Amino acid sequence: MHNKQRIILVLLAIILVLSGAGYLVYRNSAPDNYPYEPDTPAPDPHDGMFVSAHGSMAFNGDGESVTINFDEELAGLLGLPSGEQSGKYVFLSGELPPQGSIPVRYDVAHELRLTIGDQSVTVDMGIAAADGSSSQVGVGAVTPERIPMLFHDGESFDIVFNKQK
């Protein structure tokens, strides 16, 4: 074998080894753009009645069914009918390019999608500062005892649903 052939074979071997190592690192790393989830078991789905000054949400603990009863103001903000309505819900990650929002456990959710009949709306989950200048969203905003809806209309404001004891 000539020196040129040996050099070409050595270079090919190096390229193959580096490609294989790169693939293993990629395969064993966390996927891009997935939300952080604590290294703990997922919390149980919401169960029971959650109330605010603008209505209520009743969860039966199955992780998907909800009965809402929103006043005219909140229903108008969301574009949903007011009064008692049965539907489905899912907590979402927020926009993660390229796949968009994906279902996640509620303790890391940035959004809540409510589907009532053929109407579906997605609302931010978060807590607004008292002066409306800033807000906390995402990890830790939703708890087993609290579901805060965050709205932006010039300033940030929230409507917090607390679990009824």
N, C-alpha and C. Protein backbone atom coordinates (compact mmCIF):
# COMPACT_ATOMS: atom_id res chain seq x y z
N MET A 1 0.84 -1.17 0.00
CA MET A 1 0.00 0.00 0.00
C MET A 1 0.89 1.23 0.00
N HIS A 2 0.53 2.21 -0.80
CA HIS A 2 1.31 3.44 -0.91
C HIS A 2 0.94 4.39 0.21
N ASN A 3 1.81 5.34 0.43
CA ASN A 3 1.60 6.33 1.50
C ASN A 3 0.30 7.10 1.33
N LYS A 4 -0.05 7.47 0.09
CA LYS A 4 -1.29 8.22 -0.16
C LYS A 4 -2.50 7.39 0.27
N GLN A 5 -2.48 6.11 -0.03
CA GLN A 5 -3.60 5.23 0.32
C GLN A 5 -3.70 5.09 1.84
N ARG A 6 -2.56 4.97 2.50
CA ARG A 6 -2.56 4.87 3.97
C ARG A 6 -3.12 6.14 4.61
N ILE A 7 -2.71 7.28 4.09
CA ILE A 7 -3.19 8.55 4.63
C ILE A 7 -4.70 8.67 4.44
N ILE A 8 -5.19 8.29 3.27
CA ILE A 8 -6.63 8.35 2.99
C ILE A 8 -7.39 7.40 3.91
N LEU A 9 -6.90 6.19 4.12
CA LEU A 9 -7.55 5.23 5.02
C LEU A 9 -7.55 5.73 6.46
N VAL A 10 -6.45 6.31 6.92
CA VAL A 10 -6.38 6.84 8.27
C VAL A 10 -7.38 8.00 8.43
N LEU A 11 -7.45 8.89 7.44
CA LEU A 11 -8.39 10.00 7.50
C LEU A 11 -9.84 9.50 7.52
N LEU A 12 -10.15 8.50 6.70
CA LEU A 12 -11.49 7.92 6.69
C LEU A 12 -11.82 7.29 8.04
N ALA A 13 -10.87 6.60 8.64
CA ALA A 13 -11.09 5.97 9.94
C ALA A 13 -11.35 7.04 11.01
N ILE A 14 -10.58 8.12 10.97
CA ILE A 14 -10.78 9.21 11.93
C ILE A 14 -12.16 9.83 11.76
N ILE A 15 -12.57 10.06 10.52
CA ILE A 15 -13.89 10.63 10.26
C ILE A 15 -14.98 9.71 10.77
N LEU A 16 -14.87 8.42 10.53
CA LEU A 16 -15.87 7.47 11.02
C LEU A 16 -15.95 7.45 12.54
N VAL A 17 -14.80 7.44 13.20
CA VAL A 17 -14.78 7.42 14.66
C VAL A 17 -15.42 8.69 15.23
N LEU A 18 -15.05 9.84 14.68
CA LEU A 18 -15.63 11.10 15.16
C LEU A 18 -17.12 11.18 14.88
N SER A 19 -17.55 10.69 13.73
CA SER A 19 -18.98 10.69 13.41
C SER A 19 -19.76 9.80 14.38
N GLY A 20 -19.22 8.64 14.66
CA GLY A 20 -19.87 7.72 15.61
C GLY A 20 -19.94 8.31 17.00
N ALA A 21 -18.87 8.94 17.45
CA ALA A 21 -18.87 9.56 18.77
C ALA A 21 -19.87 10.71 18.83
N GLY A 22 -19.93 11.51 17.78
CA GLY A 22 -20.90 12.61 17.73
C GLY A 22 -22.33 12.11 17.78
N TYR A 23 -22.60 11.03 17.07
CA TYR A 23 -23.94 10.45 17.07
C TYR A 23 -24.32 9.95 18.47
N LEU A 24 -23.39 9.29 19.16
CA LEU A 24 -23.67 8.79 20.50
C LEU A 24 -23.95 9.93 21.48
N VAL A 25 -23.19 11.00 21.38
CA VAL A 25 -23.43 12.15 22.24
C VAL A 25 -24.80 12.73 21.96
N TYR A 26 -25.15 12.89 20.67
CA TYR A 26 -26.46 13.43 20.29
C TYR A 26 -27.59 12.52 20.78
N ARG A 27 -27.46 11.22 20.57
CA ARG A 27 -28.51 10.27 20.94
C ARG A 27 -28.74 10.22 22.44
N ASN A 28 -27.70 10.41 23.24
CA ASN A 28 -27.82 10.30 24.69
C ASN A 28 -28.05 11.63 25.39
N SER A 29 -28.15 12.72 24.63
CA SER A 29 -28.40 14.01 25.25
C SER A 29 -29.90 14.28 25.28
N ALA A 30 -30.31 15.22 26.10
CA ALA A 30 -31.73 15.59 26.18
C ALA A 30 -32.16 16.19 24.85
N PRO A 31 -33.37 15.90 24.40
CA PRO A 31 -33.84 16.47 23.15
C PRO A 31 -33.90 17.99 23.23
N ASP A 32 -33.65 18.64 22.10
CA ASP A 32 -33.71 20.09 22.04
C ASP A 32 -35.13 20.58 22.26
N ASN A 33 -35.25 21.70 22.94
CA ASN A 33 -36.51 22.42 23.09
C ASN A 33 -37.58 21.68 23.87
N TYR A 34 -37.25 20.72 24.68
CA TYR A 34 -38.25 20.11 25.54
C TYR A 34 -38.22 20.81 26.89
N PRO A 35 -39.37 20.99 27.52
CA PRO A 35 -39.38 21.72 28.79
C PRO A 35 -38.71 20.93 29.90
N TYR A 36 -38.17 21.64 30.85
CA TYR A 36 -37.55 21.02 32.00
C TYR A 36 -38.61 20.33 32.83
N GLU A 37 -38.34 19.12 33.24
CA GLU A 37 -39.21 18.43 34.19
C GLU A 37 -38.35 17.95 35.34
N PRO A 38 -38.73 18.28 36.55
CA PRO A 38 -37.94 17.83 37.70
C PRO A 38 -37.81 16.31 37.71
N ASP A 39 -36.73 15.85 38.28
CA ASP A 39 -36.49 14.41 38.34
C ASP A 39 -37.30 13.83 39.51
N THR A 40 -38.61 13.97 39.40
CA THR A 40 -39.54 13.48 40.42
C THR A 40 -40.74 12.87 39.71
N PRO A 41 -41.50 12.07 40.41
CA PRO A 41 -42.72 11.53 39.79
C PRO A 41 -43.68 12.67 39.41
N ALA A 42 -44.44 12.47 38.36
CA ALA A 42 -45.42 13.47 37.94
C ALA A 42 -46.48 13.63 39.03
N PRO A 43 -46.92 14.86 39.26
CA PRO A 43 -47.97 15.07 40.27
C PRO A 43 -49.30 14.49 39.78
N ASP A 44 -50.17 14.19 40.73
CA ASP A 44 -51.51 13.73 40.37
C ASP A 44 -52.25 14.84 39.65
N PRO A 45 -53.17 14.48 38.74
CA PRO A 45 -53.97 15.52 38.07
C PRO A 45 -54.81 16.29 39.08
N HIS A 46 -55.19 17.50 38.69
CA HIS A 46 -56.06 18.30 39.55
C HIS A 46 -57.37 17.56 39.78
N ASP A 47 -57.89 17.74 40.99
CA ASP A 47 -59.15 17.10 41.39
C ASP A 47 -59.87 18.07 42.32
N GLY A 48 -61.14 18.27 42.10
CA GLY A 48 -61.91 19.14 42.98
C GLY A 48 -62.26 20.46 42.32
N MET A 49 -62.79 21.36 43.12
CA MET A 49 -63.29 22.66 42.67
C MET A 49 -62.24 23.73 42.89
N PHE A 50 -61.95 24.52 41.85
CA PHE A 50 -61.05 25.66 41.91
C PHE A 50 -61.87 26.90 41.60
N VAL A 51 -61.80 27.91 42.47
CA VAL A 51 -62.66 29.09 42.33
C VAL A 51 -61.84 30.37 42.26
N SER A 52 -62.42 31.35 41.58
CA SER A 52 -61.85 32.69 41.51
C SER A 52 -63.02 33.68 41.58
N ALA A 53 -62.71 34.96 41.52
CA ALA A 53 -63.76 35.98 41.52
C ALA A 53 -64.55 35.96 40.22
N HIS A 54 -64.06 35.24 39.22
CA HIS A 54 -64.69 35.22 37.89
C HIS A 54 -65.27 33.88 37.51
N GLY A 55 -65.38 32.96 38.45
CA GLY A 55 -65.98 31.68 38.14
C GLY A 55 -65.25 30.51 38.77
N SER A 56 -65.50 29.34 38.20
CA SER A 56 -64.92 28.13 38.78
C SER A 56 -64.54 27.13 37.69
N MET A 57 -63.66 26.20 38.08
CA MET A 57 -63.29 25.06 37.25
C MET A 57 -63.33 23.83 38.16
N ALA A 58 -64.09 22.81 37.76
CA ALA A 58 -64.19 21.57 38.54
C ALA A 58 -63.49 20.45 37.77
N PHE A 59 -62.52 19.82 38.42
CA PHE A 59 -61.75 18.73 37.82
C PHE A 59 -62.14 17.42 38.50
N ASN A 60 -62.28 16.35 37.71
CA ASN A 60 -62.66 15.07 38.33
C ASN A 60 -61.48 14.14 38.56
N GLY A 61 -60.26 14.60 38.30
CA GLY A 61 -59.06 13.82 38.60
C GLY A 61 -58.61 12.89 37.50
N ASP A 62 -59.28 12.91 36.34
CA ASP A 62 -58.87 12.01 35.25
C ASP A 62 -57.79 12.62 34.35
N GLY A 63 -57.42 13.88 34.59
CA GLY A 63 -56.37 14.51 33.81
C GLY A 63 -56.83 15.05 32.47
N GLU A 64 -58.16 15.06 32.20
CA GLU A 64 -58.62 15.61 30.93
C GLU A 64 -59.99 16.27 30.97
N SER A 65 -60.87 15.89 31.88
CA SER A 65 -62.22 16.46 31.92
C SER A 65 -62.30 17.63 32.89
N VAL A 66 -63.04 18.66 32.48
CA VAL A 66 -63.23 19.83 33.33
C VAL A 66 -64.63 20.38 33.08
N THR A 67 -65.22 20.93 34.14
CA THR A 67 -66.47 21.67 34.03
C THR A 67 -66.15 23.09 34.46
N ILE A 68 -66.36 24.04 33.53
CA ILE A 68 -66.08 25.44 33.84
C ILE A 68 -67.40 26.16 34.08
N ASN A 69 -67.33 27.24 34.84
CA ASN A 69 -68.47 28.11 35.06
C ASN A 69 -67.91 29.52 35.18
N PHE A 70 -67.70 30.19 34.02
CA PHE A 70 -67.07 31.49 33.98
C PHE A 70 -68.12 32.59 33.86
N ASP A 71 -67.83 33.74 34.49
CA ASP A 71 -68.71 34.90 34.33
C ASP A 71 -68.50 35.50 32.94
N GLU A 72 -69.31 36.50 32.60
CA GLU A 72 -69.26 37.13 31.27
C GLU A 72 -67.88 37.72 30.97
N GLU A 73 -67.26 38.34 31.98
CA GLU A 73 -65.97 39.01 31.76
C GLU A 73 -64.88 38.00 31.38
N LEU A 74 -64.72 36.94 32.17
CA LEU A 74 -63.69 35.95 31.87
C LEU A 74 -64.02 35.19 30.59
N ALA A 75 -65.27 34.83 30.41
CA ALA A 75 -65.67 34.14 29.18
C ALA A 75 -65.35 35.00 27.96
N GLY A 76 -65.57 36.30 28.07
CA GLY A 76 -65.25 37.22 26.98
C GLY A 76 -63.76 37.29 26.70
N LEU A 77 -62.95 37.34 27.76
CA LEU A 77 -61.49 37.35 27.59
C LEU A 77 -61.00 36.10 26.85
N LEU A 78 -61.63 34.97 27.16
CA LEU A 78 -61.20 33.70 26.59
C LEU A 78 -61.89 33.37 25.27
N GLY A 79 -62.99 34.01 24.99
CA GLY A 79 -63.74 33.66 23.79
C GLY A 79 -64.51 32.37 23.94
N LEU A 80 -64.91 32.06 25.16
CA LEU A 80 -65.70 30.87 25.45
C LEU A 80 -67.08 31.28 25.95
N PRO A 81 -68.06 30.38 25.92
CA PRO A 81 -69.37 30.73 26.45
C PRO A 81 -69.33 30.88 27.97
N SER A 82 -70.16 31.77 28.49
CA SER A 82 -70.25 31.93 29.94
C SER A 82 -71.19 30.87 30.50
N GLY A 83 -71.20 30.77 31.82
CA GLY A 83 -72.05 29.79 32.48
C GLY A 83 -71.39 28.42 32.53
N GLU A 84 -72.14 27.44 33.02
CA GLU A 84 -71.59 26.09 33.21
C GLU A 84 -71.46 25.37 31.88
N GLN A 85 -70.23 24.87 31.63
CA GLN A 85 -69.91 24.16 30.38
C GLN A 85 -68.97 23.00 30.71
N SER A 86 -69.18 21.86 30.07
CA SER A 86 -68.27 20.71 30.23
C SER A 86 -67.32 20.66 29.05
N GLY A 87 -66.09 20.23 29.33
CA GLY A 87 -65.10 20.16 28.26
C GLY A 87 -63.87 19.39 28.67
N LYS A 88 -62.81 19.64 27.93
CA LYS A 88 -61.52 18.98 28.14
C LYS A 88 -60.45 20.05 28.39
N TYR A 89 -59.36 19.64 29.03
CA TYR A 89 -58.24 20.54 29.25
C TYR A 89 -56.93 19.78 29.08
N VAL A 90 -55.88 20.53 28.78
CA VAL A 90 -54.53 19.98 28.74
C VAL A 90 -53.55 21.11 29.05
N PHE A 91 -52.55 20.81 29.87
CA PHE A 91 -51.49 21.76 30.14
C PHE A 91 -50.43 21.60 29.07
N LEU A 92 -49.88 22.74 28.61
CA LEU A 92 -48.94 22.74 27.49
C LEU A 92 -47.62 23.42 27.86
N SER A 93 -46.61 23.11 27.09
CA SER A 93 -45.26 23.63 27.31
C SER A 93 -45.08 25.08 26.94
N GLY A 94 -45.89 25.59 26.05
CA GLY A 94 -45.60 26.87 25.43
C GLY A 94 -44.90 26.57 24.11
N GLU A 95 -44.65 27.59 23.32
CA GLU A 95 -44.11 27.42 21.97
C GLU A 95 -42.68 26.88 22.02
N LEU A 96 -42.47 25.70 21.44
CA LEU A 96 -41.16 25.08 21.34
C LEU A 96 -40.88 24.76 19.87
N PRO A 97 -40.15 25.64 19.18
CA PRO A 97 -39.87 25.36 17.77
C PRO A 97 -39.09 24.06 17.64
N PRO A 98 -39.28 23.24 16.67
CA PRO A 98 -40.20 23.42 15.55
C PRO A 98 -41.57 22.78 15.81
N GLN A 99 -41.77 22.07 16.92
CA GLN A 99 -43.01 21.30 17.10
C GLN A 99 -44.15 22.10 17.73
N GLY A 100 -43.93 23.28 18.23
CA GLY A 100 -44.99 24.06 18.88
C GLY A 100 -45.18 23.62 20.32
N SER A 101 -46.36 23.87 20.86
CA SER A 101 -46.67 23.49 22.24
C SER A 101 -46.94 21.99 22.32
N ILE A 102 -46.43 21.37 23.39
CA ILE A 102 -46.66 19.95 23.59
C ILE A 102 -47.26 19.74 24.98
N PRO A 103 -48.05 18.68 25.17
CA PRO A 103 -48.60 18.40 26.50
C PRO A 103 -47.49 18.12 27.51
N VAL A 104 -47.62 18.71 28.70
CA VAL A 104 -46.66 18.52 29.79
C VAL A 104 -47.41 18.42 31.11
N ARG A 105 -46.71 18.01 32.14
CA ARG A 105 -47.31 18.00 33.47
C ARG A 105 -47.52 19.44 33.93
N TYR A 106 -48.51 19.65 34.78
CA TYR A 106 -48.91 21.02 35.09
C TYR A 106 -47.87 21.83 35.84
N ASP A 107 -46.99 21.19 36.58
CA ASP A 107 -46.01 21.96 37.36
C ASP A 107 -44.91 22.59 36.51
N VAL A 108 -44.85 22.27 35.22
CA VAL A 108 -43.91 22.92 34.31
C VAL A 108 -44.63 23.59 33.14
N ALA A 109 -45.96 23.70 33.23
CA ALA A 109 -46.75 24.24 32.12
C ALA A 109 -46.62 25.75 32.00
N HIS A 110 -46.66 26.20 30.75
CA HIS A 110 -46.71 27.63 30.44
C HIS A 110 -48.08 28.03 29.92
N GLU A 111 -48.89 27.04 29.54
CA GLU A 111 -50.19 27.31 28.94
C GLU A 111 -51.21 26.27 29.38
N LEU A 112 -52.48 26.64 29.25
CA LEU A 112 -53.60 25.74 29.48
C LEU A 112 -54.52 25.85 28.28
N ARG A 113 -54.83 24.70 27.66
CA ARG A 113 -55.80 24.69 26.57
C ARG A 113 -57.12 24.15 27.12
N LEU A 114 -58.18 24.94 26.96
CA LEU A 114 -59.53 24.53 27.31
C LEU A 114 -60.30 24.31 26.02
N THR A 115 -60.98 23.18 25.92
CA THR A 115 -61.80 22.88 24.75
C THR A 115 -63.22 22.63 25.23
N ILE A 116 -64.13 23.48 24.77
CA ILE A 116 -65.54 23.38 25.11
C ILE A 116 -66.28 23.19 23.79
N GLY A 117 -66.85 22.00 23.59
CA GLY A 117 -67.50 21.71 22.32
C GLY A 117 -66.49 21.81 21.19
N ASP A 118 -66.79 22.64 20.20
CA ASP A 118 -65.85 22.81 19.09
C ASP A 118 -64.99 24.07 19.24
N GLN A 119 -65.05 24.73 20.40
CA GLN A 119 -64.25 25.91 20.67
C GLN A 119 -63.06 25.52 21.53
N SER A 120 -61.88 26.01 21.15
CA SER A 120 -60.67 25.74 21.90
C SER A 120 -59.91 27.04 22.09
N VAL A 121 -59.38 27.24 23.29
CA VAL A 121 -58.61 28.45 23.59
C VAL A 121 -57.40 28.05 24.43
N THR A 122 -56.30 28.74 24.18
CA THR A 122 -55.08 28.50 24.96
C THR A 122 -54.76 29.79 25.70
N VAL A 123 -54.55 29.67 27.01
CA VAL A 123 -54.27 30.83 27.86
C VAL A 123 -52.95 30.60 28.59
N ASP A 124 -52.19 31.69 28.78
CA ASP A 124 -50.92 31.61 29.51
C ASP A 124 -51.18 31.30 30.97
N MET A 125 -50.25 30.58 31.58
CA MET A 125 -50.29 30.29 33.00
C MET A 125 -49.20 31.12 33.68
N GLY A 126 -49.60 31.95 34.64
CA GLY A 126 -48.61 32.76 35.33
C GLY A 126 -49.23 33.69 36.33
N ILE A 127 -48.34 34.37 37.07
CA ILE A 127 -48.74 35.29 38.13
C ILE A 127 -48.17 36.66 37.79
N ALA A 128 -49.02 37.67 37.76
CA ALA A 128 -48.59 39.04 37.45
C ALA A 128 -48.11 39.73 38.72
N ALA A 129 -47.14 40.63 38.55
CA ALA A 129 -46.71 41.47 39.66
C ALA A 129 -47.85 42.42 40.03
N ALA A 130 -47.85 42.92 41.24
CA ALA A 130 -48.93 43.78 41.73
C ALA A 130 -49.12 45.01 40.84
N ASP A 131 -48.02 45.54 40.29
CA ASP A 131 -48.12 46.74 39.44
C ASP A 131 -48.34 46.41 37.97
N GLY A 132 -48.41 45.10 37.62
CA GLY A 132 -48.66 44.68 36.25
C GLY A 132 -47.47 44.80 35.32
N SER A 133 -46.30 45.20 35.86
CA SER A 133 -45.14 45.43 35.01
C SER A 133 -44.40 44.16 34.63
N SER A 134 -44.59 43.08 35.38
CA SER A 134 -43.89 41.83 35.09
C SER A 134 -44.75 40.66 35.53
N SER A 135 -44.28 39.46 35.18
CA SER A 135 -45.04 38.27 35.56
C SER A 135 -44.11 37.07 35.66
N GLN A 136 -44.54 36.09 36.44
CA GLN A 136 -43.85 34.81 36.57
C GLN A 136 -44.66 33.79 35.76
N VAL A 137 -44.01 33.11 34.84
CA VAL A 137 -44.70 32.10 34.05
C VAL A 137 -43.93 30.79 34.14
N GLY A 138 -44.62 29.71 33.78
CA GLY A 138 -43.96 28.43 33.67
C GLY A 138 -43.77 27.70 34.97
N VAL A 139 -42.59 27.12 35.15
CA VAL A 139 -42.30 26.22 36.25
C VAL A 139 -42.74 26.81 37.58
N GLY A 140 -43.61 26.09 38.27
CA GLY A 140 -44.06 26.48 39.60
C GLY A 140 -45.26 27.42 39.63
N ALA A 141 -45.71 27.92 38.49
CA ALA A 141 -46.87 28.82 38.50
C ALA A 141 -48.14 28.06 38.87
N VAL A 142 -48.32 26.87 38.29
CA VAL A 142 -49.48 26.04 38.60
C VAL A 142 -49.08 25.04 39.68
N THR A 143 -49.91 24.94 40.71
CA THR A 143 -49.64 24.01 41.81
C THR A 143 -50.89 23.16 42.04
N PRO A 144 -50.82 22.18 42.95
CA PRO A 144 -52.03 21.41 43.25
C PRO A 144 -53.15 22.27 43.84
N GLU A 145 -52.82 23.44 44.37
CA GLU A 145 -53.79 24.31 45.03
C GLU A 145 -54.13 25.57 44.25
N ARG A 146 -53.42 25.83 43.12
CA ARG A 146 -53.57 27.12 42.43
C ARG A 146 -53.42 26.93 40.92
N ILE A 147 -54.31 27.58 40.16
CA ILE A 147 -54.20 27.62 38.70
C ILE A 147 -54.35 29.08 38.29
N PRO A 148 -53.24 29.76 37.96
CA PRO A 148 -53.31 31.18 37.60
C PRO A 148 -53.32 31.41 36.09
N MET A 149 -54.34 32.10 35.60
CA MET A 149 -54.41 32.48 34.20
C MET A 149 -53.81 33.87 34.06
N LEU A 150 -52.91 34.04 33.09
CA LEU A 150 -52.21 35.31 32.91
C LEU A 150 -52.67 35.97 31.62
N PHE A 151 -53.00 37.25 31.71
CA PHE A 151 -53.47 38.01 30.55
C PHE A 151 -52.60 39.25 30.39
N HIS A 152 -52.50 39.73 29.15
CA HIS A 152 -51.73 40.94 28.84
C HIS A 152 -52.63 41.89 28.07
N ASP A 153 -52.89 43.04 28.67
CA ASP A 153 -53.71 44.06 28.01
C ASP A 153 -53.09 45.40 28.37
N GLY A 154 -51.95 45.69 27.76
CA GLY A 154 -51.17 46.86 28.15
C GLY A 154 -50.31 46.53 29.35
N GLU A 155 -50.93 46.07 30.42
CA GLU A 155 -50.23 45.58 31.60
C GLU A 155 -50.61 44.11 31.79
N SER A 156 -49.82 43.40 32.56
CA SER A 156 -50.14 42.00 32.86
C SER A 156 -51.10 41.95 34.05
N PHE A 157 -52.07 41.05 33.98
CA PHE A 157 -52.93 40.79 35.13
C PHE A 157 -53.28 39.31 35.14
N ASP A 158 -53.60 38.80 36.30
CA ASP A 158 -53.91 37.38 36.42
C ASP A 158 -55.28 37.18 37.06
N ILE A 159 -55.84 36.02 36.80
CA ILE A 159 -57.03 35.54 37.48
C ILE A 159 -56.65 34.20 38.08
N VAL A 160 -56.60 34.13 39.40
CA VAL A 160 -56.10 32.95 40.08
C VAL A 160 -57.27 32.10 40.60
N PHE A 161 -57.26 30.85 40.22
CA PHE A 161 -58.24 29.88 40.72
C PHE A 161 -57.58 29.10 41.85
N ASN A 162 -58.17 29.16 43.04
CA ASN A 162 -57.64 28.45 44.19
C ASN A 162 -58.54 27.27 44.53
N LYS A 163 -57.92 26.19 44.97
CA LYS A 163 -58.67 24.98 45.32
C LYS A 163 -59.54 25.26 46.54
N GLN A 164 -60.78 24.90 46.39
CA GLN A 164 -61.73 25.07 47.49
C GLN A 164 -61.54 23.90 48.47
N LYS A 165 -61.48 24.22 49.72
CA LYS A 165 -61.25 23.19 50.75
C LYS A 165 -62.51 22.45 51.05
